[in-house]
Amino acid sequence: MNSLVIPVYRNQENLDRLLSELVKLSARMQGEWEVVFVVDGSPDRCLEILRERLPQLPLRTQLLALSRNFGSFAAIAAGMEKARGENLAVMAADLQEPPELVLQFFDALQSGRADIVFGVRGKRSDPWLSEISANLFWGLYRRFVIRDMPRGGVDVFGCTREVRDQLLRLHGVDSNMIALLFWLGYRREYFVYDRLARLEGRSAWTLGRKVRYCMNSIFHFTDLPIQVLLVSGAVALVLAITASMLVLAAKLSGNIPVPGYTPIVLATLFFGALTALGLGIVGQYLWLNLQVSRRRPNYIVRSSETYR
């Protein structure tokens, strides 16, 4: 059996089209399969709609409801834990990734060609500012954090049950599941697709969520910010010593009759900003360490229902 996991959050406008596409996909699917819907504390009627529609569909499905909104990766982990298939795939509920991609995922996994499969964007249908910022972030991420990350990043993936088991063993809060899959290793295969425009509703992928995603993707997988801070501090120290020697020499030679106000203010602002930045970076790592040490669950399943 194969399992398709779909996290659901603020998707009530496109649920009808999603279910219709899944029924069409089922006609092309080889062997038995199931769809695991995970409602991630969605404030709209997603849970009620799915409870009404799923019993009527010619699909084997599971419906999980989390106790609150834990985030897409936590919802995916909850669905993967409950999934019964030997191969698993993840698909977004907004249908911006073509459903046919799931067929390619399962074919590669079932044939034994790969243990992990990734969908790689060949073309985006996003606003130009969002596209530029995403390309810039992923370019820097590939350069400094995970070199194997495809250009444009990864949104959808699939894996074998063995990889799923290893992935769920990794304890962390607000971590990047995609980056964890690269950290695990295993054999990978990539499928290029064109990301489609969103037809219904508004994306819940707000600027705040994007910033949090970027921060978690960086701080969970590299000590680069600490290294940058260390180098900046060393450079600042050298500059401060050099400037102090120049000022002292000028003072002894009589070239500074009156103490300068501007250099003092500039030095105070520079080192004050550097100190604040350092405290913020170190504090972020300490916060992540505290979150992990608490060993709180990454999600809480409020209800679980199985149809067929």
Protein backbone atom coordinates (compact mmCIF):
# COMPACT_ATOMS: atom_id res chain seq x y z
CA MET A 1 0.00 0.00 0.00
CA ASN A 2 1.02 3.60 -0.68
CA SER A 3 0.05 6.57 1.51
CA LEU A 4 -0.44 10.18 0.49
CA VAL A 5 -0.29 12.74 3.32
CA ILE A 6 -2.01 16.11 2.86
CA PRO A 7 -1.81 18.83 5.56
CA VAL A 8 -4.89 21.06 5.54
CA TYR A 9 -5.01 24.65 6.82
CA ARG A 10 -7.36 27.36 5.52
CA ASN A 11 -8.25 25.37 2.41
CA GLN A 12 -12.03 25.15 2.53
CA GLU A 13 -12.44 27.01 -0.79
CA ASN A 14 -10.51 24.43 -2.81
CA LEU A 15 -11.42 21.20 -0.97
CA ASP A 16 -14.02 20.22 -3.58
CA ARG A 17 -11.48 20.50 -6.39
CA LEU A 18 -8.86 18.70 -4.29
CA LEU A 19 -11.16 15.74 -3.64
CA SER A 20 -12.15 15.62 -7.31
CA GLU A 21 -8.50 15.53 -8.36
CA LEU A 22 -7.77 12.75 -5.87
CA VAL A 23 -10.58 10.62 -7.29
CA LYS A 24 -9.14 11.12 -10.78
CA LEU A 25 -5.70 10.26 -9.46
CA SER A 26 -7.03 7.07 -7.89
CA ALA A 27 -8.05 5.76 -11.32
CA ARG A 28 -4.41 5.98 -12.44
CA MET A 29 -2.85 4.64 -9.25
CA GLN A 30 -1.24 1.20 -9.32
CA GLY A 31 -2.23 -1.00 -6.37
CA GLU A 32 -3.82 -0.02 -3.08
CA TRP A 33 -3.35 3.39 -1.60
CA GLU A 34 -4.77 5.74 1.03
CA VAL A 35 -4.98 9.47 1.61
CA VAL A 36 -4.24 10.84 5.08
CA PHE A 37 -5.71 14.31 5.66
CA VAL A 38 -4.32 16.24 8.64
CA VAL A 39 -6.35 19.31 9.64
CA ASP A 40 -3.77 21.51 11.36
CA GLY A 41 -6.07 23.49 13.67
CA SER A 42 -7.66 25.22 10.69
CA PRO A 43 -10.07 27.99 11.84
CA ASP A 44 -12.43 27.52 8.87
CA ARG A 45 -14.76 24.59 8.04
CA CYS A 46 -12.12 22.25 6.62
CA LEU A 47 -12.69 19.58 9.28
CA GLU A 48 -16.47 19.65 8.94
CA ILE A 49 -16.33 19.54 5.14
CA LEU A 50 -13.95 16.58 5.12
CA ARG A 51 -16.07 14.70 7.65
CA GLU A 52 -19.06 15.15 5.34
CA ARG A 53 -17.33 14.29 2.06
CA LEU A 54 -14.82 11.54 2.84
CA PRO A 55 -17.33 8.76 3.65
CA GLN A 56 -18.90 9.29 0.21
CA LEU A 57 -15.66 9.04 -1.77
CA PRO A 58 -14.37 5.84 -3.41
CA LEU A 59 -11.08 6.29 -1.56
CA ARG A 60 -9.43 4.74 1.48
CA THR A 61 -8.83 7.73 3.75
CA GLN A 62 -7.83 8.80 7.23
CA LEU A 63 -8.76 12.13 8.81
CA LEU A 64 -6.67 13.53 11.65
CA ALA A 65 -7.43 16.72 13.54
CA LEU A 66 -4.69 18.38 15.59
CA SER A 67 -5.57 20.18 18.81
CA ARG A 68 -4.28 23.50 17.41
CA ASN A 69 -2.17 24.89 14.60
CA PHE A 70 1.28 23.32 15.04
CA GLY A 71 2.64 24.15 11.57
CA SER A 72 2.81 22.28 8.28
CA PHE A 73 5.84 20.12 9.14
CA ALA A 74 4.25 18.99 12.42
CA ALA A 75 1.05 18.15 10.54
CA ILE A 76 3.02 16.19 7.95
CA ALA A 77 4.81 14.26 10.72
CA ALA A 78 1.45 13.42 12.32
CA GLY A 79 0.13 12.11 9.01
CA MET A 80 3.28 10.12 8.29
CA GLU A 81 3.12 8.49 11.72
CA LYS A 82 -0.46 7.31 11.12
CA ALA A 83 0.10 6.30 7.48
CA ARG A 84 -0.07 2.57 6.78
CA GLY A 85 1.73 2.48 3.45
CA GLU A 86 5.17 1.12 2.64
CA ASN A 87 5.81 4.23 0.55
CA LEU A 88 4.67 7.72 1.45
CA ALA A 89 4.26 10.98 -0.41
CA VAL A 90 3.36 14.49 0.72
CA MET A 91 1.19 16.87 -1.27
CA ALA A 92 -0.07 20.39 -0.53
CA ALA A 93 -3.82 20.90 -0.33
CA ASP A 94 -3.82 24.04 -2.50
CA LEU A 95 -3.05 22.04 -5.69
CA GLN A 96 -0.21 24.32 -6.72
CA GLU A 97 1.82 21.15 -7.31
CA PRO A 98 0.40 18.90 -10.06
CA PRO A 99 -1.21 15.75 -8.55
CA GLU A 100 0.47 13.64 -11.25
CA LEU A 101 3.72 14.23 -9.38
CA VAL A 102 2.52 11.73 -6.78
CA LEU A 103 2.40 8.98 -9.42
CA GLN A 104 6.04 9.66 -10.30
CA PHE A 105 6.99 9.60 -6.62
CA PHE A 106 5.39 6.21 -5.97
CA ASP A 107 6.79 4.74 -9.18
CA ALA A 108 10.36 5.67 -8.18
CA LEU A 109 9.90 4.39 -4.63
CA GLN A 110 8.20 1.14 -5.60
CA SER A 111 10.78 0.35 -8.26
CA GLY A 112 13.57 0.70 -5.71
CA ARG A 113 15.36 3.45 -7.65
CA ALA A 114 15.32 5.82 -4.69
CA ASP A 115 14.57 5.98 -0.98
CA ILE A 116 13.63 9.68 -1.04
CA VAL A 117 12.06 11.63 -3.90
CA PHE A 118 11.79 15.40 -4.17
CA GLY A 119 9.66 17.67 -6.32
CA VAL A 120 11.85 20.50 -7.65
CA ARG A 121 10.30 23.66 -9.01
CA GLY A 122 11.20 24.34 -12.61
CA LYS A 123 8.99 27.42 -12.81
CA ARG A 124 7.14 29.45 -10.20
CA SER A 125 3.75 31.16 -10.55
CA ASP A 126 4.38 33.58 -7.69
CA PRO A 127 4.52 37.42 -7.55
CA TRP A 128 7.86 38.74 -8.80
CA LEU A 129 8.94 40.06 -5.39
CA SER A 130 8.19 36.72 -3.73
CA GLU A 131 10.04 34.88 -6.49
CA ILE A 132 13.14 37.10 -6.23
CA SER A 133 13.30 36.81 -2.43
CA ALA A 134 12.80 33.03 -2.56
CA ASN A 135 15.55 32.59 -5.16
CA LEU A 136 17.89 34.76 -3.10
CA PHE A 137 17.22 32.82 0.09
CA TRP A 138 17.63 29.39 -1.50
CA GLY A 139 20.77 30.53 -3.31
CA LEU A 140 22.36 31.56 -0.02
CA TYR A 141 21.03 28.43 1.69
CA ARG A 142 22.63 26.22 -0.94
CA ARG A 143 25.90 28.11 -0.62
CA PHE A 144 26.25 28.19 3.15
CA VAL A 145 23.98 25.54 4.74
CA ILE A 146 22.97 22.53 2.60
CA ARG A 147 24.80 22.33 -0.72
CA ASP A 148 22.61 19.50 -2.04
CA MET A 149 19.43 21.59 -1.79
CA PRO A 150 17.99 22.16 -5.29
CA ARG A 151 17.67 25.67 -6.68
CA GLY A 152 14.32 27.07 -5.61
CA GLY A 153 14.03 24.69 -2.67
CA VAL A 154 11.67 21.76 -2.15
CA ASP A 155 8.01 21.77 -1.10
CA VAL A 156 6.81 18.21 -1.76
CA PHE A 157 8.54 14.88 -1.28
CA GLY A 158 8.09 11.16 -0.81
CA CYS A 159 10.00 8.45 1.00
CA THR A 160 10.00 4.80 1.96
CA ARG A 161 8.73 3.55 5.29
CA GLU A 162 12.31 3.00 6.47
CA VAL A 163 13.16 6.65 5.86
CA ARG A 164 9.89 7.67 7.53
CA ASP A 165 10.84 5.75 10.66
CA GLN A 166 14.27 7.36 10.81
CA LEU A 167 12.79 10.81 10.19
CA LEU A 168 10.25 10.54 12.99
CA ARG A 169 13.01 9.51 15.40
CA LEU A 170 14.68 12.90 15.04
CA HIS A 171 13.36 15.01 17.89
CA GLY A 172 13.15 18.73 17.33
CA VAL A 173 10.80 21.69 17.56
CA ASP A 174 9.96 23.84 14.53
CA SER A 175 12.61 22.08 12.47
CA ASN A 176 12.77 21.94 8.68
CA MET A 177 11.67 18.46 7.60
CA ILE A 178 13.09 18.91 4.09
CA ALA A 179 16.54 19.73 5.46
CA LEU A 180 16.30 16.72 7.80
CA LEU A 181 15.72 14.46 4.79
CA PHE A 182 18.92 15.75 3.23
CA TRP A 183 20.70 15.24 6.54
CA LEU A 184 19.56 11.60 6.64
CA GLY A 185 21.21 10.80 3.33
CA TYR A 186 19.82 7.74 1.46
CA ARG A 187 19.36 7.53 -2.31
CA ARG A 188 17.50 10.47 -3.82
CA GLU A 189 15.72 11.22 -7.05
CA TYR A 190 14.42 14.60 -8.24
CA PHE A 191 11.38 15.44 -10.37
CA VAL A 192 11.06 18.85 -11.98
CA TYR A 193 7.61 20.43 -12.20
CA ASP A 194 6.03 23.82 -12.86
CA ARG A 195 4.31 25.28 -9.84
CA LEU A 196 0.75 26.29 -10.68
CA ALA A 197 -1.08 29.44 -9.67
CA ARG A 198 -3.43 29.25 -6.72
CA LEU A 199 -7.04 29.30 -7.96
CA GLU A 200 -9.06 29.45 -4.75
CA GLY A 201 -8.67 31.25 -1.45
CA ARG A 202 -5.64 33.05 -0.07
CA SER A 203 -2.37 31.47 0.93
CA ALA A 204 -1.73 31.07 4.66
CA TRP A 205 2.00 31.37 3.87
CA THR A 206 2.31 34.89 5.31
CA LEU A 207 5.46 37.00 5.59
CA GLY A 208 5.75 36.16 9.28
CA ARG A 209 5.61 32.41 8.55
CA LYS A 210 8.19 32.80 5.80
CA VAL A 211 10.59 34.64 8.12
CA ARG A 212 10.13 31.99 10.82
CA TYR A 213 10.71 29.24 8.26
CA CYS A 214 13.93 30.91 7.12
CA MET A 215 15.17 31.35 10.68
CA ASN A 216 14.42 27.75 11.65
CA SER A 217 16.00 26.43 8.44
CA ILE A 218 19.22 28.26 9.26
CA PHE A 219 19.57 27.93 13.03
CA HIS A 220 18.66 24.23 13.13
CA PHE A 221 21.25 23.17 10.57
CA THR A 222 24.32 25.39 10.76
CA ASP A 223 26.49 27.36 13.16
CA LEU A 224 27.17 29.91 10.41
CA PRO A 225 25.59 32.83 12.36
CA ILE A 226 27.92 32.13 15.28
CA GLN A 227 30.90 31.97 12.91
CA VAL A 228 29.87 35.25 11.26
CA LEU A 229 29.49 36.84 14.69
CA LEU A 230 32.92 35.55 15.75
CA VAL A 231 34.60 36.92 12.61
CA SER A 232 32.74 40.23 12.94
CA GLY A 233 33.84 40.54 16.54
CA ALA A 234 37.46 39.79 15.61
CA VAL A 235 37.40 42.36 12.79
CA ALA A 236 35.75 44.92 15.05
CA LEU A 237 38.38 44.28 17.72
CA VAL A 238 41.20 44.83 15.23
CA LEU A 239 39.57 48.03 13.97
CA ALA A 240 39.01 49.25 17.52
CA ILE A 241 42.66 48.62 18.48
CA THR A 242 43.88 50.32 15.30
CA ALA A 243 41.60 53.32 15.81
CA SER A 244 42.64 53.58 19.47
CA MET A 245 46.33 53.62 18.52
CA LEU A 246 45.71 56.32 15.89
CA VAL A 247 43.72 58.44 18.32
CA LEU A 248 46.38 58.01 21.04
CA ALA A 249 49.16 58.94 18.62
CA ALA A 250 47.25 61.99 17.47
CA LYS A 251 46.59 63.01 21.07
CA LEU A 252 50.27 62.69 22.06
CA SER A 253 51.35 64.70 19.01
CA GLY A 254 48.95 67.49 19.90
CA ASN A 255 46.71 67.08 16.84
CA ILE A 256 43.55 66.64 18.98
CA PRO A 257 43.24 69.72 21.15
CA VAL A 258 39.58 68.97 22.04
CA PRO A 259 38.12 65.44 22.53
CA GLY A 260 35.90 64.51 19.59
CA TYR A 261 32.22 63.79 20.10
CA THR A 262 31.49 62.11 16.75
CA PRO A 263 34.03 59.24 17.01
CA ILE A 264 32.75 58.35 20.47
CA VAL A 265 29.13 58.24 19.33
CA LEU A 266 29.96 56.22 16.22
CA ALA A 267 32.03 53.72 18.19
CA THR A 268 29.28 53.38 20.79
CA LEU A 269 26.62 52.77 18.13
CA PHE A 270 28.77 50.26 16.24
CA PHE A 271 29.76 48.14 19.22
CA GLY A 272 26.30 48.44 20.76
CA ALA A 273 24.69 47.10 17.57
CA LEU A 274 27.29 44.33 17.32
CA THR A 275 26.63 43.32 20.93
CA ALA A 276 22.86 43.30 20.40
CA LEU A 277 23.26 41.17 17.27
CA GLY A 278 25.50 38.73 19.13
CA LEU A 279 23.06 38.41 22.02
CA GLY A 280 20.22 37.78 19.56
CA ILE A 281 22.09 35.03 17.72
CA VAL A 282 23.25 33.30 20.89
CA GLY A 283 19.78 33.69 22.38
CA GLN A 284 18.21 31.99 19.38
CA TYR A 285 20.45 28.95 19.77
CA LEU A 286 19.77 28.84 23.52
CA TRP A 287 16.02 29.02 22.88
CA LEU A 288 16.15 26.13 20.44
CA ASN A 289 18.17 24.11 22.92
CA LEU A 290 15.61 24.87 25.65
CA GLN A 291 12.72 23.83 23.39
CA VAL A 292 14.36 20.50 22.60
CA SER A 293 15.33 19.83 26.22
CA ARG A 294 11.69 20.23 27.29
CA ARG A 295 10.82 17.27 25.06
CA ARG A 296 7.31 18.47 24.42
CA PRO A 297 5.49 16.66 21.59
CA ASN A 298 5.63 18.38 18.23
CA TYR A 299 1.88 17.92 17.81
CA ILE A 300 -1.20 16.59 19.59
CA VAL A 301 -3.80 14.59 17.65
CA ARG A 302 -7.24 15.53 18.95
CA SER A 303 -9.19 13.03 16.85
CA SER A 304 -8.54 10.32 14.29
CA GLU A 305 -11.06 8.76 11.90
CA THR A 306 -10.67 6.09 9.23
CA TYR A 307 -12.94 5.62 6.20
CA ARG A 308 -12.85 2.37 4.22
